[in-house]
Structures are given as structure tokens and as C-alpha cells.
């Protein structure tokens, strides 16, 4: 949980400077330890290409992992997007 919290601090710039590289680093560490919120955030970052190379496949895999662990926001986000070869569009 602490890794996820630290990642959100870096992502939002809360009390420490905003740093996408550090946010991704800590989201990944927490996601690999099965934190569903971190998995959701990492999935979002992959899909949006925010802070790392865009990958719909990696993004959807992380979102599915979060959804399978009960993360309602991941499920909602997956239902609200449409992925085309050119872009991602929120419904």
C-alpha cells in the first residue's frame, strides 16, 4: 500500500515534485505485488501513453488484473473506452 501511495504522490506532485518516471516505477512495484489500485493506474498509464510507451495490450492486461481483484474503477474504465488502431476514445 505504501508503494502505491508513494506512486500517487509522485504522479500528482503531492508534497514532492511531480515525477512520472518515479510514479511509474512505484506503480509497477506495487502492481507486481498484486495491488489492484496500482494495477489500474499502471494500465491507465500504458493505455494513455502517459509516462511510458503506449501499449494497449499491456494496459488492458493490467486493467483486467485489477478488475479480477475487485477494482470497480478498473472495470468502469474498461467499459468507458473504445480502442481503435489510431487512438483511444472515452465513451
Protein backbone atom coordinates (compact mmCIF):
# COMPACT_ATOMS: atom_id res chain seq x y z
CA UNK A 1 0.00 0.00 0.00
CA UNK A 2 2.86 2.36 0.80
CA UNK A 3 4.33 1.84 -2.68
CA UNK A 4 1.00 2.75 -4.29
CA UNK A 5 0.69 5.83 -2.07
CA UNK A 6 4.21 6.96 -2.92
CA UNK A 7 3.44 6.48 -6.63
CA UNK A 8 0.35 8.67 -6.36
CA UNK A 9 2.39 11.37 -4.60
CA UNK A 10 4.85 11.37 -7.49
CA UNK A 11 2.06 11.24 -10.05
CA UNK A 12 0.16 14.16 -8.52
CA UNK A 13 3.17 16.10 -7.24
CA UNK A 14 1.78 15.96 -3.70
CA UNK A 15 4.36 17.10 -1.12
CA UNK A 16 7.14 16.07 -3.51
CA UNK A 17 7.85 17.22 -7.04
CA UNK A 18 5.83 15.60 -9.80
CA UNK A 19 7.89 12.88 -11.45
CA UNK A 20 6.20 10.48 -13.91
CA UNK A 21 9.23 8.18 -14.05
CA UNK A 22 9.19 7.67 -10.29
CA UNK A 23 5.40 7.31 -10.30
CA UNK A 24 5.60 4.54 -12.90
CA UNK A 25 8.44 2.87 -11.00
CA UNK A 26 6.39 2.69 -7.79
CA UNK A 27 3.11 1.81 -9.52
CA UNK A 28 4.90 -1.12 -11.19
CA UNK A 29 6.43 -2.33 -7.89
CA UNK A 30 3.04 -2.21 -6.19
CA UNK A 31 1.24 -3.77 -9.19
CA UNK A 32 3.63 -6.72 -9.22
CA UNK A 33 2.70 -7.27 -5.57
CA UNK A 34 -0.95 -7.56 -6.65
CA UNK A 35 -2.17 -4.14 -5.52
CA UNK A 36 -5.32 -3.65 -7.66
CA UNK A 37 -5.21 0.15 -7.48
CA UNK A 38 -1.62 0.17 -8.72
CA UNK A 39 -2.53 -2.30 -11.46
CA UNK A 40 -5.35 0.02 -12.57
CA UNK A 41 -3.10 3.07 -12.60
CA UNK A 42 -0.37 1.23 -14.49
CA UNK A 43 -2.97 0.06 -17.01
CA UNK A 44 -4.20 3.60 -17.46
CA UNK A 45 -0.65 4.87 -17.99
CA UNK A 46 0.04 2.22 -20.62
CA UNK A 47 -3.18 2.94 -22.49
CA UNK A 48 -2.79 6.70 -22.38
CA UNK A 49 0.96 6.60 -23.02
CA UNK A 50 1.42 8.88 -20.03
CA UNK A 51 4.91 8.39 -18.63
CA UNK A 52 5.80 5.36 -20.74
CA UNK A 53 5.49 3.92 -24.22
CA UNK A 54 1.83 3.44 -25.14
CA UNK A 55 0.68 -0.17 -25.24
CA UNK A 56 -2.98 -1.09 -25.36
CA UNK A 57 -2.19 -4.76 -24.72
CA UNK A 58 -0.17 -4.10 -21.56
CA UNK A 59 -2.75 -1.56 -20.44
CA UNK A 60 -5.68 -3.92 -20.86
CA UNK A 61 -3.77 -6.74 -19.16
CA UNK A 62 -3.14 -4.57 -16.10
CA UNK A 63 -6.73 -3.31 -16.07
CA UNK A 64 -8.01 -6.89 -16.26
CA UNK A 65 -5.76 -7.89 -13.37
CA UNK A 66 -7.13 -5.01 -11.30
CA UNK A 67 -10.71 -5.85 -12.27
CA UNK A 68 -10.16 -9.50 -11.32
CA UNK A 69 -9.03 -8.33 -7.87
CA UNK A 70 -12.24 -6.37 -7.41
CA UNK A 71 -11.21 -2.88 -8.51
CA UNK A 72 -14.51 -1.31 -9.58
CA UNK A 73 -12.81 1.73 -11.15
CA UNK A 74 -10.82 -0.54 -13.48
CA UNK A 75 -13.99 -2.26 -14.63
CA UNK A 76 -15.76 1.06 -15.12
CA UNK A 77 -12.81 2.49 -17.07
CA UNK A 78 -12.69 -0.58 -19.34
CA UNK A 79 -16.38 -0.14 -20.12
CA UNK A 80 -15.92 3.54 -20.93
CA UNK A 81 -13.17 3.27 -23.55
CA UNK A 82 -13.01 2.27 -27.17
CA UNK A 83 -9.63 1.40 -28.61
CA UNK A 84 -9.10 1.86 -32.31
CA UNK A 85 -5.83 1.46 -34.25
CA UNK A 86 -5.44 5.26 -34.31
CA UNK A 87 -6.44 6.34 -30.84
CA UNK A 88 -8.26 5.74 -27.63
CA UNK A 89 -11.62 7.40 -27.13
CA UNK A 90 -13.66 7.62 -23.94
CA UNK A 91 -17.35 6.98 -24.48
